[in-house]
Amino acid sequence: MVINVLGLGNIIFGDEGFGVEMVRQLPEYNSYPDYVNFIDGGTQGIYLLDYFESPECLLILDAIIPVEYDAEVYSYQGSDLPSFIHRKLSSHQIGLSELLSLAKLHEKMPRKIALIGIPPDNLDMGMGLSPKVRALIPKALAETDQILQSWISTGINQQH
């Protein structure tokens, strides 16, 4: 089994670095089997395609802007992934929805997929998360861990 946990975002634009910060903190939050890969995807666009196509399970962490825009942690799985993921990873690169579409076109979609995100409070140039987003990190870590633990305990394709 392979589980990829992919943190997306640009750390020089404040809260846009949420996904990357989550990937940095998760290995310290709990211990995970060797087949759980924590990937700082930054803003690499199309170069991330293999991380979308290779695992049985894919968990994406990103600063997202849901319609509701409340300052909270949003969690989506499978077909519940919303349409607002169509924003680009950066203005010059392929977006999250395009990466998912390519994986589907190649018939290499992960069996399980989830997205954990927060609405950014500050996207100004500068390092570090805003206090509002930093306050959401514990809940985001707990929700991410809960999804990972459920995938690990079901042992999808453990014969590999």
C-alpha atoms as a PDB file:
ATOM      1  CA  MET A   1       0.000   0.000   0.000  1.00  0.00           C
ATOM      2  CA  VAL A   2       1.107   3.562  -0.711  1.00  0.00           C
ATOM      3  CA  ILE A   3      -0.431   6.660   0.845  1.00  0.00           C
ATOM      4  CA  ASN A   4       0.748  10.059  -0.381  1.00  0.00           C
ATOM      5  CA  VAL A   5       0.123  13.107   1.797  1.00  0.00           C
ATOM      6  CA  LEU A   6       0.720  16.075  -0.462  1.00  0.00           C
ATOM      7  CA  GLY A   7       1.113  19.567   0.956  1.00  0.00           C
ATOM      8  CA  LEU A   8       0.531  22.306  -1.619  1.00  0.00           C
ATOM      9  CA  GLY A   9       1.224  26.006  -1.434  1.00  0.00           C
ATOM     10  CA  ASN A  10       3.688  28.828  -1.661  1.00  0.00           C
ATOM     11  CA  ILE A  11       5.333  29.529   1.693  1.00  0.00           C
ATOM     12  CA  ILE A  12       6.342  33.078   0.735  1.00  0.00           C
ATOM     13  CA  PHE A  13       2.692  34.166   0.531  1.00  0.00           C
ATOM     14  CA  GLY A  14       1.653  33.775   4.159  1.00  0.00           C
ATOM     15  CA  ASP A  15      -1.303  31.424   4.577  1.00  0.00           C
ATOM     16  CA  GLU A  16      -0.794  30.007   1.074  1.00  0.00           C
ATOM     17  CA  GLY A  17       1.875  27.865   2.792  1.00  0.00           C
ATOM     18  CA  PHE A  18      -0.698  25.998   4.929  1.00  0.00           C
ATOM     19  CA  GLY A  19      -0.336  22.675   3.071  1.00  0.00           C
ATOM     20  CA  VAL A  20       3.441  22.737   3.240  1.00  0.00           C
ATOM     21  CA  GLU A  21       3.378  23.553   6.964  1.00  0.00           C
ATOM     22  CA  MET A  22       0.973  20.667   7.580  1.00  0.00           C
ATOM     23  CA  VAL A  23       3.282  18.192   5.810  1.00  0.00           C
ATOM     24  CA  ARG A  24       6.142  19.425   7.993  1.00  0.00           C
ATOM     25  CA  GLN A  25       4.186  18.943  11.233  1.00  0.00           C
ATOM     26  CA  LEU A  26       2.356  15.656  10.557  1.00  0.00           C
ATOM     27  CA  PRO A  27       5.317  13.285  11.095  1.00  0.00           C
ATOM     28  CA  GLU A  28       5.738  14.799  14.577  1.00  0.00           C
ATOM     29  CA  TYR A  29       1.997  14.630  15.324  1.00  0.00           C
ATOM     30  CA  ASN A  30       1.841  10.834  15.150  1.00  0.00           C
ATOM     31  CA  SER A  31       3.926   7.920  13.901  1.00  0.00           C
ATOM     32  CA  TYR A  32       2.953   6.437  10.555  1.00  0.00           C
ATOM     33  CA  PRO A  33       4.010   3.332   8.629  1.00  0.00           C
ATOM     34  CA  ASP A  34       6.795   3.633   6.054  1.00  0.00           C
ATOM     35  CA  TYR A  35       4.293   3.501   3.195  1.00  0.00           C
ATOM     36  CA  VAL A  36       2.861   6.906   4.201  1.00  0.00           C
ATOM     37  CA  ASN A  37       4.814   9.512   2.221  1.00  0.00           C
ATOM     38  CA  PHE A  38       4.835  13.171   3.244  1.00  0.00           C
ATOM     39  CA  ILE A  39       5.495  15.357   0.200  1.00  0.00           C
ATOM     40  CA  ASP A  40       6.158  19.098   0.115  1.00  0.00           C
ATOM     41  CA  GLY A  41       4.569  19.757  -3.276  1.00  0.00           C
ATOM     42  CA  GLY A  42       4.963  23.513  -3.098  1.00  0.00           C
ATOM     43  CA  THR A  43       3.806  24.929  -6.433  1.00  0.00           C
ATOM     44  CA  GLN A  44       5.310  22.287  -8.724  1.00  0.00           C
ATOM     45  CA  GLY A  45       2.197  21.836 -10.893  1.00  0.00           C
ATOM     46  CA  ILE A  46       2.482  19.106 -13.553  1.00  0.00           C
ATOM     47  CA  TYR A  47       5.602  17.718 -11.869  1.00  0.00           C
ATOM     48  CA  LEU A  48       3.308  16.444  -9.107  1.00  0.00           C
ATOM     49  CA  LEU A  49       1.345  14.142 -11.435  1.00  0.00           C
ATOM     50  CA  ASP A  50       3.184  10.982 -10.339  1.00  0.00           C
ATOM     51  CA  TYR A  51       2.253  11.722  -6.712  1.00  0.00           C
ATOM     52  CA  PHE A  52      -1.408  11.775  -7.835  1.00  0.00           C
ATOM     53  CA  GLU A  53      -1.187   8.618  -9.951  1.00  0.00           C
ATOM     54  CA  SER A  54       1.073   6.314  -7.908  1.00  0.00           C
ATOM     55  CA  PRO A  55      -0.677   5.814  -4.527  1.00  0.00           C
ATOM     56  CA  GLU A  56      -3.722   3.835  -3.502  1.00  0.00           C
ATOM     57  CA  CYS A  57      -4.659   6.794  -1.269  1.00  0.00           C
ATOM     58  CA  LEU A  58      -3.995  10.505  -1.749  1.00  0.00           C
ATOM     59  CA  LEU A  59      -4.534  13.169   0.895  1.00  0.00           C
ATOM     60  CA  ILE A  60      -4.097  16.760  -0.315  1.00  0.00           C
ATOM     61  CA  LEU A  61      -3.457  19.632   2.106  1.00  0.00           C
ATOM     62  CA  ASP A  62      -3.970  23.130   0.734  1.00  0.00           C
ATOM     63  CA  ALA A  63      -5.131  26.660   1.458  1.00  0.00           C
ATOM     64  CA  ILE A  64      -8.499  26.745  -0.288  1.00  0.00           C
ATOM     65  CA  ILE A  65     -11.264  29.300  -0.557  1.00  0.00           C
ATOM     66  CA  PRO A  66     -14.602  27.607   0.034  1.00  0.00           C
ATOM     67  CA  VAL A  67     -17.786  29.443  -0.852  1.00  0.00           C
ATOM     68  CA  GLU A  68     -18.644  29.701   2.852  1.00  0.00           C
ATOM     69  CA  TYR A  69     -15.250  31.254   3.640  1.00  0.00           C
ATOM     70  CA  ASP A  70     -15.619  30.702   7.393  1.00  0.00           C
ATOM     71  CA  ALA A  71     -12.322  30.435   9.257  1.00  0.00           C
ATOM     72  CA  GLU A  72     -12.406  26.695   9.840  1.00  0.00           C
ATOM     73  CA  VAL A  73     -10.952  23.424   8.623  1.00  0.00           C
ATOM     74  CA  TYR A  74     -12.677  21.914   5.605  1.00  0.00           C
ATOM     75  CA  SER A  75     -12.469  18.191   4.898  1.00  0.00           C
ATOM     76  CA  TYR A  76     -13.691  16.483   1.734  1.00  0.00           C
ATOM     77  CA  GLN A  77     -13.391  12.890   0.552  1.00  0.00           C
ATOM     78  CA  GLY A  78     -14.002  11.142  -2.768  1.00  0.00           C
ATOM     79  CA  SER A  79     -16.861  12.530  -4.810  1.00  0.00           C
ATOM     80  CA  ASP A  80     -17.400  15.269  -2.204  1.00  0.00           C
ATOM     81  CA  LEU A  81     -14.367  17.144  -3.561  1.00  0.00           C
ATOM     82  CA  PRO A  82     -15.804  20.540  -4.432  1.00  0.00           C
ATOM     83  CA  SER A  83     -15.646  22.504  -7.648  1.00  0.00           C
ATOM     84  CA  PHE A  84     -13.678  25.377  -6.075  1.00  0.00           C
ATOM     85  CA  ILE A  85     -10.457  23.370  -6.394  1.00  0.00           C
ATOM     86  CA  HIS A  86     -10.212  24.786  -9.914  1.00  0.00           C
ATOM     87  CA  ARG A  87      -7.887  27.577  -8.769  1.00  0.00           C
ATOM     88  CA  LYS A  88      -4.324  27.290  -9.975  1.00  0.00           C
ATOM     89  CA  LEU A  89      -1.361  26.295  -7.835  1.00  0.00           C
ATOM     90  CA  SER A  90       0.179  29.410  -9.345  1.00  0.00           C
ATOM     91  CA  SER A  91      -0.713  31.598 -12.298  1.00  0.00           C
ATOM     92  CA  HIS A  92       1.791  29.775 -14.532  1.00  0.00           C
ATOM     93  CA  GLN A  93       1.076  26.187 -13.600  1.00  0.00           C
ATOM     94  CA  ILE A  94      -1.462  23.465 -13.920  1.00  0.00           C
ATOM     95  CA  GLY A  95      -4.187  23.414 -11.265  1.00  0.00           C
ATOM     96  CA  LEU A  96      -5.316  20.759  -8.821  1.00  0.00           C
ATOM     97  CA  SER A  97      -8.415  19.914 -10.863  1.00  0.00           C
ATOM     98  CA  GLU A  98      -6.292  19.429 -13.991  1.00  0.00           C
ATOM     99  CA  LEU A  99      -3.969  17.055 -12.150  1.00  0.00           C
ATOM    100  CA  LEU A 100      -6.956  15.027 -10.955  1.00  0.00           C
ATOM    101  CA  SER A 101      -8.386  15.029 -14.491  1.00  0.00           C
ATOM    102  CA  LEU A 102      -5.091  13.802 -15.953  1.00  0.00           C
ATOM    103  CA  ALA A 103      -4.887  10.984 -13.406  1.00  0.00           C
ATOM    104  CA  LYS A 104      -8.456   9.998 -14.296  1.00  0.00           C
ATOM    105  CA  LEU A 105      -7.692  10.174 -18.031  1.00  0.00           C
ATOM    106  CA  HIS A 106      -4.672   7.907 -17.479  1.00  0.00           C
ATOM    107  CA  GLU A 107      -6.909   5.574 -15.432  1.00  0.00           C
ATOM    108  CA  LYS A 108      -4.575   5.972 -12.459  1.00  0.00           C
ATOM    109  CA  MET A 109      -6.830   7.665  -9.910  1.00  0.00           C
ATOM    110  CA  PRO A 110      -6.132   6.768  -6.281  1.00  0.00           C
ATOM    111  CA  ARG A 111      -8.728   4.429  -4.767  1.00  0.00           C
ATOM    112  CA  LYS A 112      -9.203   6.916  -1.915  1.00  0.00           C
ATOM    113  CA  ILE A 113      -8.747  10.666  -2.126  1.00  0.00           C
ATOM    114  CA  ALA A 114      -9.264  13.437   0.417  1.00  0.00           C
ATOM    115  CA  LEU A 115      -8.667  17.159   0.692  1.00  0.00           C
ATOM    116  CA  ILE A 116      -8.095  19.080   3.920  1.00  0.00           C
ATOM    117  CA  GLY A 117      -8.032  22.834   3.541  1.00  0.00           C
ATOM    118  CA  ILE A 118      -8.497  26.157   5.221  1.00  0.00           C
ATOM    119  CA  PRO A 119      -9.435  29.567   3.833  1.00  0.00           C
ATOM    120  CA  PRO A 120      -6.362  31.814   3.871  1.00  0.00           C
ATOM    121  CA  ASP A 121      -6.589  34.913   6.024  1.00  0.00           C
ATOM    122  CA  ASN A 122      -3.456  36.626   4.710  1.00  0.00           C
ATOM    123  CA  LEU A 123      -1.867  36.111   1.287  1.00  0.00           C
ATOM    124  CA  ASP A 124       0.578  39.010   1.528  1.00  0.00           C
ATOM    125  CA  MET A 125       4.203  38.288   0.778  1.00  0.00           C
ATOM    126  CA  GLY A 126       5.891  37.140   3.944  1.00  0.00           C
ATOM    127  CA  MET A 127       6.907  33.962   5.684  1.00  0.00           C
ATOM    128  CA  GLY A 128       4.710  32.189   8.191  1.00  0.00           C
ATOM    129  CA  LEU A 129       1.027  31.622   8.780  1.00  0.00           C
ATOM    130  CA  SER A 130      -1.312  34.246  10.177  1.00  0.00           C
ATOM    131  CA  PRO A 131      -2.493  33.840  13.794  1.00  0.00           C
ATOM    132  CA  LYS A 132      -5.996  32.898  12.549  1.00  0.00           C
ATOM    133  CA  VAL A 133      -4.640  30.057  10.381  1.00  0.00           C
ATOM    134  CA  ARG A 134      -2.063  28.959  12.999  1.00  0.00           C
ATOM    135  CA  ALA A 135      -5.000  28.514  15.394  1.00  0.00           C
ATOM    136  CA  LEU A 136      -6.593  26.048  12.923  1.00  0.00           C
ATOM    137  CA  ILE A 137      -3.489  23.827  12.653  1.00  0.00           C
ATOM    138  CA  PRO A 138      -4.320  21.557  15.651  1.00  0.00           C
ATOM    139  CA  LYS A 139      -7.790  20.769  14.279  1.00  0.00           C
ATOM    140  CA  ALA A 140      -6.391  20.264  10.767  1.00  0.00           C
ATOM    141  CA  LEU A 141      -3.722  17.888  12.114  1.00  0.00           C
ATOM    142  CA  ALA A 142      -6.358  15.905  14.033  1.00  0.00           C
ATOM    143  CA  GLU A 143      -8.666  15.615  11.007  1.00  0.00           C
ATOM    144  CA  THR A 144      -5.784  14.639   8.733  1.00  0.00           C
ATOM    145  CA  ASP A 145      -4.610  12.026  11.229  1.00  0.00           C
ATOM    146  CA  GLN A 146      -8.140  10.622  11.522  1.00  0.00           C
ATOM    147  CA  ILE A 147      -8.345  10.097   7.738  1.00  0.00           C
ATOM    148  CA  LEU A 148      -4.865   8.558   7.623  1.00  0.00           C
ATOM    149  CA  GLN A 149      -5.640   6.211  10.507  1.00  0.00           C
ATOM    150  CA  SER A 150      -8.856   5.057   8.830  1.00  0.00           C
ATOM    151  CA  TRP A 151      -6.984   4.322   5.600  1.00  0.00           C
ATOM    152  CA  ILE A 152      -4.179   2.553   7.467  1.00  0.00           C
ATOM    153  CA  SER A 153      -6.596   0.444   9.524  1.00  0.00           C
ATOM    154  CA  THR A 154      -8.555  -0.706   6.453  1.00  0.00           C
ATOM    155  CA  GLY A 155      -5.291  -1.891   4.895  1.00  0.00           C
ATOM    156  CA  ILE A 156      -6.270  -1.142   1.314  1.00  0.00           C
ATOM    157  CA  ASN A 157      -4.300  -3.487  -0.936  1.00  0.00           C
ATOM    158  CA  GLN A 158      -2.038  -4.620   1.900  1.00  0.00           C
ATOM    159  CA  GLN A 159      -0.881  -7.578  -0.156  1.00  0.00           C
ATOM    160  CA  HIS A 160       1.656  -5.247  -1.862  1.00  0.00           C
END
